[in-house]
Amino acid sequence: MFNWQVLLIFAKFKCFFFVWYRVSIIRDLDGQIGSLNVTNPIVLLIIANIYALDENYEAALKVLHSVDVASLLESSALAIQMYLKLDRHDLAKKELKRLTDTDEDAIITQLAMAWVYMATVNEIFFKFEDAKNFLKFNWIHFKIGRKIAGCLFHISRTGR
């Protein structure tokens, strides 16, 4: 498959909003992907983008695993996005490590680093919110229980 053929498939996929047409493009691409012997990383990146737009993240990752990070940093950045979509923060951090080892100063590396850190901070924030709500709920019960215990003690001592 040549570069222009993949670009044509990508353009058709982006332009046509009919679901049946997009499904036929994906079906054709699935049929051709097994027999492709593509070494051009840009072609593989475009194919992975088509799968990502179809929300088939596993297939996109399978295509991206055959691309070397040193040849195309964008493939690793797209893999990080796919891992974050799948809520696999551990694999996203591992891929980010590979990306920063390759070129730490590249803009795409800095952007991917921001994606991973934002996803990690959101995860920590939601865990903190859950813990805060849990503690607040239990603290209210503790206060009510303490007041009830005080009332029962008072009733038992005074008889009223």
N, C-alpha and C. Protein backbone atom coordinates (compact mmCIF):
# COMPACT_ATOMS: atom_id res chain seq x y z
N MET A 1 0.85 -1.17 0.00
CA MET A 1 0.00 0.00 0.00
C MET A 1 0.90 1.23 0.00
N PHE A 2 0.61 2.14 -0.89
CA PHE A 2 1.43 3.35 -1.03
C PHE A 2 0.89 4.45 -0.13
N ASN A 3 1.70 5.48 0.05
CA ASN A 3 1.30 6.60 0.92
C ASN A 3 0.01 7.25 0.44
N TRP A 4 -0.11 7.46 -0.86
CA TRP A 4 -1.28 8.16 -1.37
C TRP A 4 -2.54 7.30 -1.22
N GLN A 5 -2.40 5.98 -1.28
CA GLN A 5 -3.57 5.11 -1.09
C GLN A 5 -4.07 5.17 0.34
N VAL A 6 -3.16 5.19 1.28
CA VAL A 6 -3.55 5.28 2.68
C VAL A 6 -4.15 6.65 2.97
N LEU A 7 -3.59 7.68 2.40
CA LEU A 7 -4.15 9.02 2.57
C LEU A 7 -5.54 9.12 1.96
N LEU A 8 -5.76 8.45 0.85
CA LEU A 8 -7.09 8.44 0.24
C LEU A 8 -8.10 7.71 1.14
N ILE A 9 -7.69 6.59 1.72
CA ILE A 9 -8.57 5.87 2.64
C ILE A 9 -8.87 6.72 3.86
N PHE A 10 -7.85 7.41 4.39
CA PHE A 10 -8.04 8.27 5.56
C PHE A 10 -8.98 9.43 5.24
N ALA A 11 -8.82 10.02 4.06
CA ALA A 11 -9.70 11.13 3.66
C ALA A 11 -11.14 10.65 3.49
N LYS A 12 -11.32 9.48 2.89
CA LYS A 12 -12.67 8.94 2.75
C LYS A 12 -13.29 8.66 4.11
N PHE A 13 -12.49 8.13 5.02
CA PHE A 13 -12.99 7.82 6.35
C PHE A 13 -13.41 9.09 7.09
N LYS A 14 -12.64 10.14 6.94
CA LYS A 14 -12.96 11.40 7.62
C LYS A 14 -14.12 12.14 6.98
N CYS A 15 -14.27 12.01 5.67
CA CYS A 15 -15.28 12.80 4.96
C CYS A 15 -16.68 12.19 5.01
N PHE A 16 -16.77 10.89 5.00
CA PHE A 16 -18.07 10.25 4.94
C PHE A 16 -18.59 9.97 6.33
N PHE A 17 -19.78 10.47 6.61
CA PHE A 17 -20.38 10.30 7.92
C PHE A 17 -21.32 9.10 7.97
N PHE A 18 -21.50 8.45 6.83
CA PHE A 18 -22.38 7.28 6.80
C PHE A 18 -21.69 6.12 7.50
N VAL A 19 -22.35 5.53 8.44
CA VAL A 19 -21.75 4.46 9.24
C VAL A 19 -21.42 3.26 8.37
N TRP A 20 -22.29 2.92 7.45
CA TRP A 20 -22.06 1.74 6.62
C TRP A 20 -20.81 1.91 5.76
N TYR A 21 -20.52 3.16 5.34
CA TYR A 21 -19.33 3.38 4.52
C TYR A 21 -18.06 3.27 5.37
N ARG A 22 -18.13 3.80 6.58
CA ARG A 22 -16.98 3.69 7.46
C ARG A 22 -16.72 2.23 7.85
N VAL A 23 -17.79 1.48 8.05
CA VAL A 23 -17.64 0.06 8.39
C VAL A 23 -17.00 -0.70 7.23
N SER A 24 -17.38 -0.35 6.01
CA SER A 24 -16.78 -1.03 4.86
C SER A 24 -15.30 -0.66 4.72
N ILE A 25 -14.94 0.57 5.04
CA ILE A 25 -13.52 0.96 4.99
C ILE A 25 -12.72 0.19 6.03
N ILE A 26 -13.27 0.07 7.23
CA ILE A 26 -12.58 -0.68 8.29
C ILE A 26 -12.47 -2.15 7.93
N ARG A 27 -13.55 -2.71 7.35
CA ARG A 27 -13.52 -4.12 6.94
C ARG A 27 -12.45 -4.36 5.87
N ASP A 28 -12.37 -3.45 4.89
CA ASP A 28 -11.34 -3.58 3.86
C ASP A 28 -9.94 -3.45 4.45
N LEU A 29 -9.80 -2.53 5.39
CA LEU A 29 -8.50 -2.32 6.03
C LEU A 29 -8.11 -3.53 6.87
N ASP A 30 -9.08 -4.12 7.56
CA ASP A 30 -8.80 -5.33 8.34
C ASP A 30 -8.37 -6.48 7.44
N GLY A 31 -8.97 -6.57 6.27
CA GLY A 31 -8.60 -7.62 5.32
C GLY A 31 -7.21 -7.43 4.74
N GLN A 32 -6.83 -6.18 4.55
CA GLN A 32 -5.52 -5.89 3.95
C GLN A 32 -4.39 -5.84 4.97
N ILE A 33 -4.70 -5.59 6.23
CA ILE A 33 -3.64 -5.36 7.22
C ILE A 33 -2.80 -6.61 7.47
N GLY A 34 -3.37 -7.77 7.36
CA GLY A 34 -2.61 -8.99 7.57
C GLY A 34 -1.61 -9.27 6.46
N SER A 35 -1.93 -8.88 5.25
CA SER A 35 -1.05 -9.16 4.12
C SER A 35 -0.11 -8.01 3.81
N LEU A 36 -0.22 -6.91 4.55
CA LEU A 36 0.64 -5.76 4.28
C LEU A 36 2.04 -5.99 4.81
N ASN A 37 3.01 -5.59 4.01
CA ASN A 37 4.40 -5.60 4.45
C ASN A 37 4.89 -4.17 4.35
N VAL A 38 4.43 -3.35 5.28
CA VAL A 38 4.72 -1.93 5.24
C VAL A 38 5.85 -1.63 6.19
N THR A 39 6.84 -0.91 5.70
CA THR A 39 7.94 -0.49 6.55
C THR A 39 7.93 1.01 6.77
N ASN A 40 7.09 1.72 6.04
CA ASN A 40 7.01 3.17 6.19
C ASN A 40 6.22 3.49 7.46
N PRO A 41 6.83 4.15 8.43
CA PRO A 41 6.13 4.41 9.69
C PRO A 41 4.98 5.40 9.55
N ILE A 42 5.02 6.26 8.55
CA ILE A 42 3.93 7.22 8.36
C ILE A 42 2.67 6.51 7.90
N VAL A 43 2.81 5.51 7.05
CA VAL A 43 1.67 4.73 6.60
C VAL A 43 1.04 4.00 7.79
N LEU A 44 1.88 3.43 8.62
CA LEU A 44 1.35 2.72 9.80
C LEU A 44 0.69 3.69 10.78
N LEU A 45 1.23 4.90 10.89
CA LEU A 45 0.62 5.91 11.76
C LEU A 45 -0.75 6.32 11.25
N ILE A 46 -0.90 6.45 9.95
CA ILE A 46 -2.20 6.82 9.37
C ILE A 46 -3.21 5.69 9.57
N ILE A 47 -2.77 4.46 9.39
CA ILE A 47 -3.66 3.31 9.61
C ILE A 47 -4.09 3.26 11.08
N ALA A 48 -3.16 3.50 11.98
CA ALA A 48 -3.50 3.51 13.41
C ALA A 48 -4.46 4.65 13.73
N ASN A 49 -4.31 5.79 13.06
CA ASN A 49 -5.24 6.90 13.25
C ASN A 49 -6.65 6.53 12.80
N ILE A 50 -6.75 5.78 11.72
CA ILE A 50 -8.07 5.35 11.24
C ILE A 50 -8.73 4.45 12.29
N TYR A 51 -7.96 3.51 12.82
CA TYR A 51 -8.50 2.65 13.88
C TYR A 51 -8.86 3.45 15.13
N ALA A 52 -8.05 4.45 15.46
CA ALA A 52 -8.33 5.26 16.64
C ALA A 52 -9.61 6.08 16.45
N LEU A 53 -9.83 6.60 15.25
CA LEU A 53 -11.06 7.34 14.99
C LEU A 53 -12.28 6.43 15.04
N ASP A 54 -12.07 5.17 14.74
CA ASP A 54 -13.15 4.18 14.83
C ASP A 54 -13.31 3.66 16.26
N GLU A 55 -12.51 4.17 17.18
CA GLU A 55 -12.49 3.77 18.59
C GLU A 55 -12.14 2.30 18.77
N ASN A 56 -11.32 1.79 17.87
CA ASN A 56 -10.79 0.44 17.98
C ASN A 56 -9.34 0.58 18.44
N TYR A 57 -9.17 0.83 19.74
CA TYR A 57 -7.87 1.19 20.28
C TYR A 57 -6.90 0.01 20.29
N GLU A 58 -7.41 -1.19 20.48
CA GLU A 58 -6.54 -2.37 20.50
C GLU A 58 -5.89 -2.58 19.13
N ALA A 59 -6.69 -2.44 18.06
CA ALA A 59 -6.13 -2.60 16.71
C ALA A 59 -5.12 -1.50 16.40
N ALA A 60 -5.41 -0.29 16.87
CA ALA A 60 -4.46 0.81 16.66
C ALA A 60 -3.14 0.52 17.36
N LEU A 61 -3.22 -0.03 18.57
CA LEU A 61 -1.99 -0.36 19.29
C LEU A 61 -1.21 -1.48 18.61
N LYS A 62 -1.94 -2.45 18.04
CA LYS A 62 -1.25 -3.53 17.32
C LYS A 62 -0.48 -2.99 16.14
N VAL A 63 -1.07 -2.03 15.43
CA VAL A 63 -0.38 -1.42 14.30
C VAL A 63 0.81 -0.60 14.78
N LEU A 64 0.64 0.12 15.88
CA LEU A 64 1.70 1.01 16.38
C LEU A 64 2.88 0.25 16.96
N HIS A 65 2.67 -0.98 17.42
CA HIS A 65 3.77 -1.73 18.00
C HIS A 65 4.82 -2.13 16.96
N SER A 66 4.48 -2.07 15.70
CA SER A 66 5.46 -2.41 14.67
C SER A 66 6.27 -1.20 14.23
N VAL A 67 6.00 -0.03 14.82
CA VAL A 67 6.73 1.19 14.46
C VAL A 67 7.80 1.43 15.51
N ASP A 68 9.00 1.75 15.06
CA ASP A 68 10.10 2.07 15.96
C ASP A 68 9.94 3.50 16.46
N VAL A 69 10.15 3.69 17.77
CA VAL A 69 9.98 5.02 18.36
C VAL A 69 10.99 6.00 17.79
N ALA A 70 12.19 5.54 17.54
CA ALA A 70 13.23 6.44 17.05
C ALA A 70 12.92 6.95 15.64
N SER A 71 12.18 6.16 14.87
CA SER A 71 11.88 6.59 13.50
C SER A 71 10.74 7.59 13.45
N LEU A 72 9.79 7.50 14.39
CA LEU A 72 8.64 8.41 14.37
C LEU A 72 8.12 8.58 15.80
N LEU A 73 8.36 9.73 16.38
CA LEU A 73 7.92 9.99 17.75
C LEU A 73 6.41 10.05 17.87
N GLU A 74 5.75 10.45 16.81
CA GLU A 74 4.29 10.59 16.83
C GLU A 74 3.60 9.26 17.06
N SER A 75 4.21 8.17 16.61
CA SER A 75 3.61 6.85 16.84
C SER A 75 3.57 6.52 18.32
N SER A 76 4.61 6.86 19.02
CA SER A 76 4.62 6.63 20.46
C SER A 76 3.63 7.54 21.18
N ALA A 77 3.50 8.77 20.71
CA ALA A 77 2.53 9.69 21.31
C ALA A 77 1.10 9.20 21.09
N LEU A 78 0.82 8.65 19.91
CA LEU A 78 -0.50 8.10 19.65
C LEU A 78 -0.75 6.86 20.52
N ALA A 79 0.29 6.06 20.73
CA ALA A 79 0.16 4.89 21.60
C ALA A 79 -0.16 5.33 23.03
N ILE A 80 0.46 6.41 23.48
CA ILE A 80 0.16 6.94 24.81
C ILE A 80 -1.29 7.37 24.90
N GLN A 81 -1.79 8.02 23.85
CA GLN A 81 -3.21 8.41 23.84
C GLN A 81 -4.11 7.20 23.91
N MET A 82 -3.77 6.14 23.19
CA MET A 82 -4.59 4.94 23.20
C MET A 82 -4.59 4.30 24.59
N TYR A 83 -3.43 4.23 25.22
CA TYR A 83 -3.37 3.67 26.57
C TYR A 83 -4.19 4.49 27.56
N LEU A 84 -4.15 5.80 27.41
CA LEU A 84 -4.95 6.65 28.30
C LEU A 84 -6.44 6.47 28.04
N LYS A 85 -6.83 6.28 26.78
CA LYS A 85 -8.24 6.02 26.47
C LYS A 85 -8.70 4.70 27.08
N LEU A 86 -7.79 3.73 27.14
CA LEU A 86 -8.12 2.42 27.71
C LEU A 86 -7.93 2.40 29.23
N ASP A 87 -7.59 3.54 29.83
CA ASP A 87 -7.32 3.67 31.27
C ASP A 87 -6.20 2.75 31.72
N ARG A 88 -5.19 2.61 30.91
CA ARG A 88 -3.99 1.85 31.26
C ARG A 88 -2.86 2.84 31.50
N HIS A 89 -2.89 3.49 32.65
CA HIS A 89 -1.92 4.53 32.96
C HIS A 89 -0.53 3.96 33.15
N ASP A 90 -0.44 2.72 33.61
CA ASP A 90 0.86 2.10 33.79
C ASP A 90 1.58 1.90 32.46
N LEU A 91 0.84 1.45 31.44
CA LEU A 91 1.45 1.26 30.12
C LEU A 91 1.73 2.60 29.45
N ALA A 92 0.90 3.60 29.73
CA ALA A 92 1.16 4.94 29.19
C ALA A 92 2.45 5.50 29.77
N LYS A 93 2.67 5.27 31.06
CA LYS A 93 3.92 5.76 31.68
C LYS A 93 5.13 5.03 31.12
N LYS A 94 4.97 3.73 30.84
CA LYS A 94 6.08 2.97 30.26
C LYS A 94 6.40 3.47 28.86
N GLU A 95 5.36 3.74 28.07
CA GLU A 95 5.58 4.26 26.73
C GLU A 95 6.17 5.67 26.79
N LEU A 96 5.75 6.46 27.76
CA LEU A 96 6.32 7.80 27.94
C LEU A 96 7.80 7.71 28.29
N LYS A 97 8.17 6.72 29.08
CA LYS A 97 9.58 6.52 29.41
C LYS A 97 10.39 6.22 28.16
N ARG A 98 9.84 5.36 27.29
CA ARG A 98 10.54 5.07 26.02
C ARG A 98 10.66 6.33 25.17
N LEU A 99 9.60 7.13 25.16
CA LEU A 99 9.60 8.36 24.36
C LEU A 99 10.60 9.37 24.90
N THR A 100 10.65 9.54 26.22
CA THR A 100 11.61 10.50 26.78
C THR A 100 13.04 10.02 26.65
N ASP A 101 13.25 8.70 26.65
CA ASP A 101 14.59 8.19 26.42
C ASP A 101 15.06 8.47 24.99
N THR A 102 14.12 8.49 24.07
CA THR A 102 14.46 8.76 22.68
C THR A 102 14.78 10.23 22.46
N ASP A 103 13.86 11.12 22.85
CA ASP A 103 14.08 12.55 22.68
C ASP A 103 13.25 13.31 23.71
N GLU A 104 13.90 13.75 24.76
CA GLU A 104 13.18 14.39 25.85
C GLU A 104 12.77 15.82 25.53
N ASP A 105 13.49 16.47 24.64
CA ASP A 105 13.24 17.88 24.37
C ASP A 105 12.24 18.14 23.24
N ALA A 106 11.77 17.10 22.59
CA ALA A 106 10.83 17.29 21.48
C ALA A 106 9.49 17.79 22.02
N ILE A 107 8.83 18.59 21.23
CA ILE A 107 7.54 19.15 21.64
C ILE A 107 6.51 18.05 21.83
N ILE A 108 6.51 17.06 20.96
CA ILE A 108 5.54 15.97 21.07
C ILE A 108 5.77 15.17 22.36
N THR A 109 7.02 15.07 22.80
CA THR A 109 7.33 14.39 24.05
C THR A 109 6.80 15.19 25.24
N GLN A 110 6.99 16.50 25.20
CA GLN A 110 6.49 17.35 26.28
C GLN A 110 4.97 17.31 26.34
N LEU A 111 4.33 17.28 25.19
CA LEU A 111 2.87 17.20 25.13
C LEU A 111 2.37 15.87 25.69
N ALA A 112 3.03 14.78 25.30
CA ALA A 112 2.64 13.47 25.82
C ALA A 112 2.87 13.39 27.32
N MET A 113 3.93 14.02 27.80
CA MET A 113 4.19 14.05 29.23
C MET A 113 3.05 14.78 29.96
N ALA A 114 2.58 15.85 29.37
CA ALA A 114 1.46 16.60 29.97
C ALA A 114 0.19 15.75 29.99
N TRP A 115 -0.08 14.98 28.92
CA TRP A 115 -1.26 14.11 28.89
C TRP A 115 -1.21 13.10 30.03
N VAL A 116 -0.05 12.45 30.18
CA VAL A 116 0.08 11.41 31.20
C VAL A 116 -0.05 12.02 32.60
N TYR A 117 0.59 13.15 32.82
CA TYR A 117 0.52 13.77 34.15
C TYR A 117 -0.89 14.25 34.45
N MET A 118 -1.59 14.80 33.47
CA MET A 118 -2.97 15.23 33.71
C MET A 118 -3.86 14.05 34.02
N ALA A 119 -3.69 12.95 33.31
CA ALA A 119 -4.51 11.76 33.58
C ALA A 119 -4.19 11.20 34.96
N THR A 120 -2.94 11.21 35.35
CA THR A 120 -2.55 10.70 36.66
C THR A 120 -3.08 11.60 37.77
N VAL A 121 -2.99 12.91 37.57
CA VAL A 121 -3.50 13.84 38.58
C VAL A 121 -5.01 13.71 38.70
N ASN A 122 -5.72 13.55 37.60
CA ASN A 122 -7.17 13.35 37.68
C ASN A 122 -7.51 12.08 38.44
N GLU A 123 -6.76 11.03 38.19
CA GLU A 123 -7.00 9.77 38.89
C GLU A 123 -6.77 9.94 40.39
N ILE A 124 -5.68 10.62 40.77
CA ILE A 124 -5.39 10.86 42.18
C ILE A 124 -6.45 11.77 42.79
N PHE A 125 -6.89 12.79 42.04
CA PHE A 125 -7.89 13.72 42.55
C PHE A 125 -9.19 12.98 42.86
N PHE A 126 -9.64 12.11 41.95
CA PHE A 126 -10.88 11.39 42.18
C PHE A 126 -10.76 10.43 43.36
N LYS A 127 -9.58 9.81 43.53
CA LYS A 127 -9.38 8.94 44.68
C LYS A 127 -9.42 9.77 45.97
N PHE A 128 -8.83 10.96 45.94
CA PHE A 128 -8.85 11.84 47.10
C PHE A 128 -10.27 12.29 47.42
N GLU A 129 -11.04 12.62 46.39
CA GLU A 129 -12.43 13.02 46.60
C GLU A 129 -13.24 11.89 47.22
N ASP A 130 -13.03 10.67 46.74
CA ASP A 130 -13.73 9.52 47.32
C ASP A 130 -13.36 9.34 48.79
N ALA A 131 -12.07 9.48 49.09
CA ALA A 131 -11.64 9.34 50.48
C ALA A 131 -12.21 10.46 51.34
N LYS A 132 -12.23 11.68 50.80
CA LYS A 132 -12.76 12.81 51.55
C LYS A 132 -14.25 12.61 51.84
N ASN A 133 -15.00 12.17 50.83
CA ASN A 133 -16.43 11.93 51.04
C ASN A 133 -16.66 10.80 52.03
N PHE A 134 -15.82 9.77 51.97
CA PHE A 134 -15.95 8.66 52.91
C PHE A 134 -15.70 9.13 54.34
N LEU A 135 -14.63 9.93 54.51
CA LEU A 135 -14.31 10.42 55.84
C LEU A 135 -15.38 11.38 56.36
N LYS A 136 -15.90 12.23 55.47
CA LYS A 136 -16.93 13.17 55.87
C LYS A 136 -18.18 12.42 56.32
N PHE A 137 -18.56 11.40 55.56
CA PHE A 137 -19.73 10.60 55.91
C PHE A 137 -19.53 9.91 57.25
N ASN A 138 -18.36 9.32 57.45
CA ASN A 138 -18.09 8.62 58.71
C ASN A 138 -17.94 9.60 59.87
N TRP A 139 -17.43 10.80 59.63
CA TRP A 139 -17.29 11.79 60.68
C TRP A 139 -18.66 12.25 61.17
N ILE A 140 -19.60 12.40 60.24
CA ILE A 140 -20.96 12.76 60.63
C ILE A 140 -21.57 11.67 61.49
N HIS A 141 -21.37 10.41 61.10
CA HIS A 141 -21.89 9.31 61.89
C HIS A 141 -21.22 9.26 63.27
N PHE A 142 -19.94 9.57 63.30
CA PHE A 142 -19.23 9.58 64.57
C PHE A 142 -19.81 10.65 65.50
N LYS A 143 -20.07 11.85 64.95
CA LYS A 143 -20.63 12.93 65.77
C LYS A 143 -22.03 12.57 66.26
N ILE A 144 -22.87 12.03 65.38
CA ILE A 144 -24.23 11.64 65.77
C ILE A 144 -24.17 10.53 66.80
N GLY A 145 -23.32 9.55 66.59
CA GLY A 145 -23.18 8.45 67.53
C GLY A 145 -22.72 8.94 68.89
N ARG A 146 -21.79 9.92 68.90
CA ARG A 146 -21.31 10.47 70.15
C ARG A 146 -22.42 11.20 70.90
N LYS A 147 -23.25 11.95 70.16
CA LYS A 147 -24.37 12.66 70.79
C LYS A 147 -25.41 11.67 71.33
N ILE A 148 -25.70 10.62 70.57
CA ILE A 148 -26.65 9.61 71.02
C ILE A 148 -26.12 8.90 72.26
N ALA A 149 -24.82 8.59 72.25
CA ALA A 149 -24.23 7.93 73.42
C ALA A 149 -24.30 8.84 74.64
N GLY A 150 -24.05 10.13 74.43
CA GLY A 150 -24.15 11.09 75.53
C GLY A 150 -25.57 11.17 76.07
N CYS A 151 -26.55 11.18 75.17
CA CYS A 151 -27.96 11.22 75.60
C CYS A 151 -28.33 9.96 76.37
N LEU A 152 -27.91 8.79 75.89
CA LEU A 152 -28.22 7.54 76.57
C LEU A 152 -27.56 7.49 77.95
N PHE A 153 -26.34 8.00 78.03
CA PHE A 153 -25.66 8.04 79.32
C PHE A 153 -26.41 8.95 80.30
N HIS A 154 -26.85 10.12 79.78
CA HIS A 154 -27.58 11.06 80.60
C HIS A 154 -28.91 10.45 81.09
N ILE A 155 -29.60 9.74 80.17
CA ILE A 155 -30.89 9.11 80.53
C ILE A 155 -30.66 8.02 81.56
N SER A 156 -29.60 7.24 81.40
CA SER A 156 -29.35 6.17 82.34
C SER A 156 -28.97 6.69 83.73
N ARG A 157 -28.34 7.82 83.80
CA ARG A 157 -27.94 8.38 85.10
C ARG A 157 -29.09 9.10 85.80
N THR A 158 -29.88 9.82 85.00
CA THR A 158 -30.94 10.62 85.61
C THR A 158 -32.28 9.88 85.63
N GLY A 159 -32.42 8.91 84.78
CA GLY A 159 -33.69 8.19 84.70
C GLY A 159 -34.71 8.91 83.85
N ARG A 160 -34.33 10.00 83.16
CA ARG A 160 -35.29 10.68 82.29
C ARG A 160 -34.80 10.70 80.91
